[in-house]
Amino acid sequence: MMKLKTTLLAAAAALAVAPAAQAYEGLYGAIGAGLNYMGDQDVTNDQPGGGGAYAFDSSADYDNGIGVYAAIGKAWGGNYRTELEFSYRDNSIDAINPDGAGFSGWPAGTISGSTTTKALMVNFLYDFNTGSSVATPYVGFGGGIAHIDHDIVGANAAGVPLPGGIAYGASNFQPAFQGIAGLAFNLAEGLALDFSYRYFRTGKGEYDGTLIGVPAEFETSNKAHSLFAGLRWNFGAAAAPAVEYKDCWDGSSVPVSASCPPQVVESQAADLDPINFTVYFDYDKSNLTPQASTLVQEAAARALENDIETVVVAGNTDTSGSSAYNQALSERRARAVRDGLIANGVPADSIRLEAFGETNPAKPTPDGVREPLNRRADVVISFE
């Protein structure tokens, strides 16, 4: 018992000092194994043979055992996860204790066997985002169904009951629930080492058996403290970080890492210089945001003060997604800006479209990266 308390305190200390890991979205799988502690379990017999002479209300003491689990789940974003978990726990019985009423029980060495618990649980979990890329603490709870199987045999020649002993080996199903706390450490992209604690409990069950050779019925509890170590691997991609925007002088908004459109000097000479501006798009979108629509409207108004020669609209994407898909997406973005310019009076025959897909990044990135600066259409308006 002292060893278990020490282990639990160490786990709690690790939870208190550990930082948080990168979040993921999508499906994941997990496996793990570790220590299962049952300690004392209620065991009652109020229907024995012999006219009820050997009724007892006692507790069964178990040795430390093993537990394993496997789960498949989904991370939904916003730090929430759900999963379906199968677990297996097995502990050997050490003794059935005296109950203080002339009942000697079955001390160590006079009883043997084990209790096996198999459970199917639905878990709901929450990952804490502490801003680090090392580890993620989490908590959760689960509910489901457990199959409990006893295989217990005991004979205490020196005590009460008399020789003939005790035996119960029936099994049944009981509702089950658990509370969960854990810490997941990143090992590699999409792979984490997962340490967790579970408090597991089922409803009390009634089990058929014999006492001093006479049919009897026993009621037992099933409670466990489990310490597991395991692996979790993610099938989905890393969740895209939230993009922060800033307001520009012209009322538009751009990512904080991007530059605002240049201010146009109110002079004839400046007006004859080309107008250059960039329209940014949300991830996997080709429609103009309200800020982008305002930017296009104001640029068209400035351009129409002079004789427009050519307008070049070049669509671009980031590297998330396939090359073919990004090529088509860049074309749609260019057409969306062209349509916005036409709607604000720019002659359609002066506009030329270009589409570069993911080949012309403003900020080079590896393949598969969602970069806000690359989701854009660059516009150049030239004058006669």
Protein backbone atom coordinates (compact mmCIF):
# COMPACT_ATOMS: atom_id res chain seq x y z
CA MET A 1 0.00 0.00 0.00
CA MET A 2 2.85 2.40 0.90
CA LYS A 3 4.51 1.65 -2.46
CA LEU A 4 1.28 2.46 -4.33
CA LYS A 5 0.87 5.78 -2.46
CA THR A 6 4.46 6.72 -3.35
CA THR A 7 3.80 5.94 -7.02
CA LEU A 8 0.59 8.02 -7.05
CA LEU A 9 2.36 11.00 -5.45
CA ALA A 10 5.12 10.79 -8.06
CA ALA A 11 2.54 10.76 -10.86
CA ALA A 12 0.75 13.78 -9.34
CA ALA A 13 4.05 15.67 -9.09
CA ALA A 14 4.77 14.97 -12.76
CA LEU A 15 1.33 16.34 -13.71
CA ALA A 16 2.01 19.50 -11.72
CA VAL A 17 5.31 20.43 -13.42
CA ALA A 18 4.86 19.13 -16.96
CA PRO A 19 4.17 21.45 -19.93
CA ALA A 20 1.73 20.77 -22.84
CA ALA A 21 2.15 19.01 -26.18
CA GLN A 22 0.99 19.85 -29.71
CA ALA A 23 -2.72 19.27 -30.34
CA TYR A 24 -4.02 17.06 -33.15
CA GLU A 25 -7.34 16.63 -34.89
CA GLY A 26 -8.76 13.41 -36.29
CA LEU A 27 -8.58 9.72 -35.43
CA TYR A 28 -6.00 8.15 -33.13
CA GLY A 29 -5.20 4.75 -31.60
CA ALA A 30 -3.75 3.93 -28.18
CA ILE A 31 -2.44 0.92 -26.24
CA GLY A 32 -1.04 0.61 -22.73
CA ALA A 33 -0.33 -1.63 -19.75
CA GLY A 34 0.60 -1.31 -16.12
CA LEU A 35 -0.20 -1.89 -12.44
CA ASN A 36 -3.73 -2.63 -11.22
CA TYR A 37 -4.37 -2.23 -7.47
CA MET A 38 -7.64 -3.59 -6.01
CA GLY A 39 -6.86 -3.69 -2.28
CA ASP A 40 -9.85 -4.61 -0.11
CA GLN A 41 -13.15 -5.50 -1.80
CA ASP A 42 -16.47 -5.98 -0.02
CA VAL A 43 -17.61 -9.61 0.04
CA THR A 44 -20.88 -10.66 1.74
CA ASN A 45 -22.75 -13.92 2.18
CA ASP A 46 -26.18 -13.80 3.80
CA GLN A 47 -27.68 -17.00 2.34
CA PRO A 48 -25.34 -19.85 3.31
CA GLY A 49 -26.35 -23.37 4.30
CA GLY A 50 -26.38 -24.59 7.87
CA GLY A 51 -29.35 -22.42 8.89
CA GLY A 52 -27.41 -19.21 8.26
CA ALA A 53 -24.77 -20.07 10.86
CA TYR A 54 -21.94 -18.92 8.61
CA ALA A 55 -23.30 -15.68 7.19
CA PHE A 56 -20.60 -13.02 7.01
CA ASP A 57 -19.97 -9.44 5.87
CA SER A 58 -16.25 -9.12 5.28
CA SER A 59 -13.65 -7.95 2.74
CA ALA A 60 -11.39 -9.72 0.29
CA ASP A 61 -7.78 -8.59 0.08
CA TYR A 62 -6.07 -8.79 -3.35
CA ASP A 63 -2.46 -8.71 -4.47
CA ASN A 64 -1.30 -6.13 -6.99
CA GLY A 65 -2.15 -7.26 -10.52
CA ILE A 66 -1.86 -6.23 -14.13
CA GLY A 67 -4.01 -4.18 -16.46
CA VAL A 68 -3.92 -3.52 -20.21
CA TYR A 69 -6.03 -1.37 -22.51
CA ALA A 70 -6.52 -0.55 -26.18
CA ALA A 71 -8.52 2.38 -27.52
CA ILE A 72 -9.50 4.15 -30.72
CA GLY A 73 -10.63 7.74 -30.51
CA LYS A 74 -11.09 11.07 -32.23
CA ALA A 75 -9.73 14.50 -31.36
CA TRP A 76 -12.38 17.07 -32.26
CA GLY A 77 -10.41 20.28 -31.93
CA GLY A 78 -10.94 22.70 -29.07
CA ASN A 79 -8.99 20.26 -26.84
CA TYR A 80 -11.80 17.67 -26.66
CA ARG A 81 -11.46 13.94 -27.41
CA THR A 82 -13.75 10.91 -27.28
CA GLU A 83 -12.66 7.29 -27.46
CA LEU A 84 -13.84 3.69 -27.25
CA GLU A 85 -11.65 1.69 -24.84
CA PHE A 86 -11.33 -2.03 -24.10
CA SER A 87 -9.49 -2.93 -20.88
CA TYR A 88 -8.44 -6.12 -19.07
CA ARG A 89 -7.54 -6.34 -15.36
CA ASP A 90 -6.52 -9.42 -13.34
CA ASN A 91 -5.68 -9.67 -9.63
CA SER A 92 -4.99 -12.71 -7.44
CA ILE A 93 -6.83 -12.98 -4.12
CA ASP A 94 -4.69 -13.01 -0.97
CA ALA A 95 -7.25 -13.45 1.85
CA ILE A 96 -10.82 -13.00 3.02
CA ASN A 97 -10.54 -11.12 6.28
CA PRO A 98 -12.30 -11.86 9.61
CA ASP A 99 -15.42 -9.76 10.21
CA GLY A 100 -15.09 -9.45 13.99
CA ALA A 101 -18.10 -11.65 14.79
CA GLY A 102 -16.46 -15.03 15.35
CA PHE A 103 -15.79 -15.43 11.64
CA SER A 104 -12.14 -16.35 11.00
CA GLY A 105 -12.21 -15.84 7.23
CA TRP A 106 -9.54 -17.34 4.99
CA PRO A 107 -6.07 -15.93 5.70
CA ALA A 108 -3.21 -15.98 3.24
CA GLY A 109 -2.28 -19.52 2.27
CA THR A 110 -5.80 -20.92 2.73
CA ILE A 111 -7.40 -19.32 -0.33
CA SER A 112 -6.38 -18.92 -3.97
CA GLY A 113 -7.69 -17.79 -7.31
CA SER A 114 -8.21 -14.47 -9.08
CA THR A 115 -10.74 -11.93 -10.29
CA THR A 116 -10.67 -10.89 -13.95
CA THR A 117 -12.45 -7.80 -15.24
CA LYS A 118 -12.98 -6.99 -18.91
CA ALA A 119 -14.58 -3.64 -19.72
CA LEU A 120 -15.79 -1.74 -22.78
CA MET A 121 -15.87 1.99 -22.01
CA VAL A 122 -16.71 5.24 -23.81
CA ASN A 123 -14.35 7.97 -22.57
CA PHE A 124 -14.65 11.76 -22.76
CA LEU A 125 -11.35 13.63 -22.35
CA TYR A 126 -10.06 17.21 -22.25
CA ASP A 127 -6.46 18.18 -23.11
CA PHE A 128 -5.01 21.23 -21.33
CA ASN A 129 -3.22 23.64 -23.66
CA THR A 130 -0.36 25.09 -21.58
CA GLY A 131 1.51 26.56 -24.56
CA SER A 132 4.44 24.12 -24.75
CA SER A 133 5.32 21.51 -27.36
CA VAL A 134 6.64 18.87 -24.92
CA ALA A 135 3.68 17.29 -23.13
CA THR A 136 -0.07 17.58 -22.60
CA PRO A 137 -1.85 16.96 -19.29
CA TYR A 138 -5.43 15.76 -19.61
CA VAL A 139 -8.43 14.62 -17.56
CA GLY A 140 -11.57 12.68 -18.40
CA PHE A 141 -14.26 10.26 -17.40
CA GLY A 142 -15.83 7.18 -18.93
CA GLY A 143 -18.80 4.87 -18.67
CA GLY A 144 -19.62 1.45 -20.03
CA ILE A 145 -20.09 -2.22 -19.24
CA ALA A 146 -17.78 -4.69 -17.44
CA HIS A 147 -17.67 -8.50 -17.47
CA ILE A 148 -16.42 -9.74 -14.06
CA ASP A 149 -15.21 -13.33 -13.63
CA HIS A 150 -14.26 -14.83 -10.24
CA ASP A 151 -12.30 -18.06 -9.78
CA ILE A 152 -11.95 -18.31 -5.97
CA VAL A 153 -11.38 -21.43 -3.85
CA GLY A 154 -10.53 -21.52 -0.12
CA ALA A 155 -10.39 -24.01 2.78
CA ASN A 156 -9.49 -22.99 6.37
CA ALA A 157 -9.28 -26.15 8.52
CA ALA A 158 -8.43 -24.16 11.66
CA GLY A 159 -11.19 -21.59 11.46
CA VAL A 160 -14.82 -20.94 10.76
CA PRO A 161 -16.36 -21.99 8.38
CA LEU A 162 -15.36 -25.60 8.92
CA PRO A 163 -13.60 -27.72 6.27
CA GLY A 164 -15.55 -27.69 3.09
CA GLY A 165 -14.44 -24.13 2.49
CA ILE A 166 -15.62 -21.52 0.06
CA ALA A 167 -15.79 -21.42 -3.71
CA TYR A 168 -17.31 -19.00 -6.18
CA GLY A 169 -16.52 -18.79 -9.86
CA ALA A 170 -19.57 -17.39 -11.60
CA SER A 171 -19.38 -14.30 -13.81
CA ASN A 172 -21.76 -11.51 -14.76
CA PHE A 173 -22.01 -8.08 -16.36
CA GLN A 174 -22.12 -4.84 -14.38
CA PRO A 175 -22.27 -1.12 -15.29
CA ALA A 176 -18.87 0.53 -14.94
CA PHE A 177 -17.40 4.02 -14.78
CA GLN A 178 -13.94 5.53 -14.42
CA GLY A 179 -12.16 8.81 -13.78
CA ILE A 180 -8.97 9.51 -15.75
CA ALA A 181 -5.94 11.81 -15.37
CA GLY A 182 -2.88 11.61 -17.59
CA LEU A 183 0.13 13.15 -19.26
CA ALA A 184 1.16 12.58 -22.89
CA PHE A 185 4.75 13.26 -24.02
CA ASN A 186 5.56 13.89 -27.70
CA LEU A 187 8.03 11.32 -29.07
CA ALA A 188 7.72 12.18 -32.77
CA GLU A 189 5.24 13.73 -35.17
CA GLY A 190 1.91 12.10 -34.37
CA LEU A 191 3.34 9.73 -31.70
CA ALA A 192 3.14 10.25 -27.93
CA LEU A 193 4.14 8.37 -24.77
CA ASP A 194 1.06 8.34 -22.53
CA PHE A 195 1.07 7.97 -18.72
CA SER A 196 -2.36 7.76 -17.06
CA TYR A 197 -4.15 7.02 -13.79
CA ARG A 198 -7.65 5.52 -13.73
CA TYR A 199 -10.05 5.03 -10.86
CA PHE A 200 -12.27 2.19 -12.09
CA ARG A 201 -15.44 0.93 -10.41
CA THR A 202 -18.39 -1.31 -11.22
CA GLY A 203 -21.69 -2.03 -9.54
CA LYS A 204 -21.81 -4.74 -6.88
CA GLY A 205 -22.54 -8.16 -8.35
CA GLU A 206 -24.06 -11.38 -7.00
CA TYR A 207 -22.21 -14.63 -7.73
CA ASP A 208 -23.23 -18.23 -7.16
CA GLY A 209 -20.90 -20.57 -5.29
CA THR A 210 -20.68 -22.92 -2.32
CA LEU A 211 -19.95 -22.51 1.39
CA ILE A 212 -19.04 -25.63 3.44
CA GLY A 213 -20.29 -27.63 0.49
CA VAL A 214 -23.75 -26.00 0.40
CA PRO A 215 -24.94 -23.69 -2.43
CA ALA A 216 -24.59 -20.05 -1.48
CA GLU A 217 -24.70 -16.59 -3.05
CA PHE A 218 -21.97 -13.99 -2.61
CA GLU A 219 -22.09 -10.24 -3.25
CA THR A 220 -18.79 -8.52 -4.06
CA SER A 221 -17.60 -5.04 -5.04
CA ASN A 222 -15.10 -4.24 -7.79
CA LYS A 223 -12.92 -1.14 -7.41
CA ALA A 224 -9.45 -0.54 -8.83
CA HIS A 225 -6.68 2.05 -9.08
CA SER A 226 -4.71 1.62 -12.32
CA LEU A 227 -1.39 3.20 -13.37
CA PHE A 228 -0.75 2.75 -17.10
CA ALA A 229 2.03 3.57 -19.54
CA GLY A 230 1.30 3.38 -23.25
CA LEU A 231 1.58 4.81 -26.74
CA ARG A 232 -0.85 7.00 -28.68
CA TRP A 233 -0.50 7.56 -32.40
CA ASN A 234 -2.50 10.07 -34.42
CA PHE A 235 -3.90 9.36 -37.87
CA GLY A 236 -4.87 13.02 -38.44
CA ALA A 237 -2.80 16.14 -39.06
CA ALA A 238 -1.63 18.67 -36.53
CA ALA A 239 -4.30 21.23 -35.77
CA ALA A 240 -3.71 24.49 -37.61
CA PRO A 241 -2.69 27.33 -35.29
CA ALA A 242 -5.11 30.23 -35.00
CA VAL A 243 -4.23 33.13 -37.31
CA GLU A 244 -4.00 36.58 -35.71
CA TYR A 245 -4.79 39.65 -37.80
CA LYS A 246 -3.99 43.36 -37.59
CA ASP A 247 -5.89 46.37 -38.94
CA CYS A 248 -4.32 48.49 -41.68
CA TRP A 249 -4.64 52.15 -42.59
CA ASP A 250 -7.16 51.38 -45.36
CA GLY A 251 -9.52 49.41 -43.09
CA SER A 252 -8.36 46.00 -44.26
CA SER A 253 -6.99 43.25 -42.00
CA VAL A 254 -3.91 41.14 -42.71
CA PRO A 255 -1.99 38.49 -40.71
CA VAL A 256 0.25 40.09 -38.09
CA SER A 257 3.34 38.79 -39.90
CA ALA A 258 2.30 40.46 -43.19
CA SER A 259 2.76 44.08 -44.28
CA CYS A 260 -0.17 46.41 -44.79
CA PRO A 261 -0.88 47.71 -48.31
CA PRO A 262 1.24 50.80 -49.11
CA GLN A 263 -0.47 54.15 -48.77
CA VAL A 264 -1.07 56.00 -52.04
CA VAL A 265 0.32 59.50 -52.20
CA GLU A 266 -2.33 61.93 -53.44
CA SER A 267 -0.54 63.32 -56.50
CA GLN A 268 -0.81 62.83 -60.22
CA ALA A 269 2.67 61.36 -60.44
CA ALA A 270 1.97 58.82 -57.73
CA ASP A 271 -1.33 57.86 -59.34
CA LEU A 272 0.49 56.92 -62.55
CA ASP A 273 2.69 54.45 -60.71
CA PRO A 274 1.32 50.89 -60.65
CA ILE A 275 -0.99 50.02 -57.78
CA ASN A 276 0.14 46.84 -56.00
CA PHE A 277 -1.88 45.12 -53.33
CA THR A 278 -2.47 41.64 -51.91
CA VAL A 279 -5.76 39.97 -51.04
CA TYR A 280 -5.57 37.25 -48.35
CA PHE A 281 -7.90 34.28 -48.07
CA ASP A 282 -8.96 31.95 -45.25
CA TYR A 283 -7.73 28.36 -45.28
CA ASP A 284 -9.13 26.37 -48.26
CA LYS A 285 -11.39 29.31 -49.22
CA SER A 286 -11.70 31.38 -52.41
CA ASN A 287 -14.40 33.84 -51.38
CA LEU A 288 -13.51 37.43 -50.46
CA THR A 289 -13.69 38.29 -46.78
CA PRO A 290 -15.41 41.61 -45.86
CA GLN A 291 -11.97 43.18 -45.36
CA ALA A 292 -10.78 41.92 -48.75
CA SER A 293 -13.91 43.24 -50.46
CA THR A 294 -13.26 46.69 -48.98
CA LEU A 295 -9.63 46.57 -50.15
CA VAL A 296 -10.66 45.64 -53.72
CA GLN A 297 -13.32 48.40 -53.77
CA GLU A 298 -10.87 51.10 -52.66
CA ALA A 299 -8.15 49.94 -55.07
CA ALA A 300 -10.63 49.99 -57.96
CA ALA A 301 -11.75 53.51 -57.04
CA ARG A 302 -8.15 54.76 -57.05
CA ALA A 303 -7.40 53.00 -60.32
CA LEU A 304 -10.44 54.45 -62.11
CA GLU A 305 -9.13 58.00 -61.48
CA ASN A 306 -6.67 57.29 -64.33
CA ASP A 307 -6.63 55.36 -67.59
CA ILE A 308 -6.09 51.67 -66.75
CA GLU A 309 -3.81 49.79 -69.11
CA THR A 310 -3.59 46.29 -67.59
CA VAL A 311 -4.57 44.52 -64.40
CA VAL A 312 -2.73 41.32 -63.49
CA VAL A 313 -4.30 39.11 -60.79
CA ALA A 314 -2.12 36.17 -59.65
CA GLY A 315 -3.67 33.49 -57.41
CA ASN A 316 -1.57 31.49 -54.93
CA THR A 317 -2.00 28.83 -52.21
CA ASP A 318 -0.05 27.36 -49.35
CA THR A 319 1.42 23.82 -49.52
CA SER A 320 -1.38 22.08 -47.60
CA GLY A 321 -3.17 19.70 -49.99
CA SER A 322 -2.23 18.19 -53.35
CA SER A 323 -0.57 20.21 -56.14
CA ALA A 324 -3.49 19.65 -58.52
CA TYR A 325 -6.04 20.79 -55.93
CA ASN A 326 -3.97 23.87 -55.06
CA GLN A 327 -3.63 24.80 -58.74
CA ALA A 328 -7.40 24.84 -59.11
CA LEU A 329 -7.80 26.71 -55.81
CA SER A 330 -5.38 29.44 -56.95
CA GLU A 331 -7.43 29.87 -60.15
CA ARG A 332 -10.63 30.29 -58.14
CA ARG A 333 -8.99 32.90 -55.92
CA ALA A 334 -7.78 34.89 -58.94
CA ARG A 335 -11.29 34.79 -60.47
CA ALA A 336 -12.84 35.96 -57.20
CA VAL A 337 -10.60 39.08 -57.16
CA ARG A 338 -11.27 39.70 -60.89
CA ASP A 339 -15.02 39.53 -60.29
CA GLY A 340 -14.67 41.97 -57.39
CA LEU A 341 -12.74 44.46 -59.57
CA ILE A 342 -15.31 44.18 -62.39
CA ALA A 343 -18.14 44.72 -59.91
CA ASN A 344 -16.43 47.97 -58.90
CA GLY A 345 -16.08 49.32 -62.46
CA VAL A 346 -12.72 47.97 -63.69
CA PRO A 347 -13.04 46.95 -67.39
CA ALA A 348 -13.07 43.17 -67.74
CA ASP A 349 -10.95 43.21 -70.93
CA SER A 350 -8.09 44.89 -69.05
CA ILE A 351 -7.74 42.07 -66.52
CA ARG A 352 -5.36 39.12 -67.02
CA LEU A 353 -5.43 36.12 -64.66
CA GLU A 354 -2.49 34.00 -63.54
CA ALA A 355 -2.53 30.98 -61.22
CA PHE A 356 0.61 29.64 -59.55
CA GLY A 357 -0.89 27.08 -57.16
CA GLU A 358 1.64 26.35 -54.41
CA THR A 359 4.73 27.14 -56.55
CA ASN A 360 5.08 30.85 -55.69
CA PRO A 361 5.04 31.14 -51.89
CA ALA A 362 5.49 34.49 -50.17
CA LYS A 363 6.94 32.51 -47.25
CA PRO A 364 8.58 29.19 -48.30
CA THR A 365 7.46 26.23 -46.18
CA PRO A 366 7.74 22.42 -46.28
CA ASP A 367 5.00 20.51 -48.05
CA GLY A 368 1.73 20.21 -46.13
CA VAL A 369 2.08 23.40 -44.04
CA ARG A 370 -0.86 25.82 -43.64
CA GLU A 371 0.76 29.26 -44.01
CA PRO A 372 -1.57 32.32 -44.02
CA LEU A 373 0.91 34.50 -45.98
CA ASN A 374 0.74 32.09 -48.94
CA ARG A 375 -3.07 32.03 -49.21
CA ARG A 376 -3.34 35.13 -51.39
CA ALA A 377 -3.89 36.86 -54.73
CA ASP A 378 -1.35 39.48 -55.80
CA VAL A 379 -2.75 42.36 -57.88
CA VAL A 380 -0.82 44.83 -60.07
CA ILE A 381 -2.75 47.67 -61.79
CA SER A 382 -0.76 49.55 -64.48
CA PHE A 383 -1.73 52.79 -66.20
CA GLU A 384 -1.29 54.23 -69.68
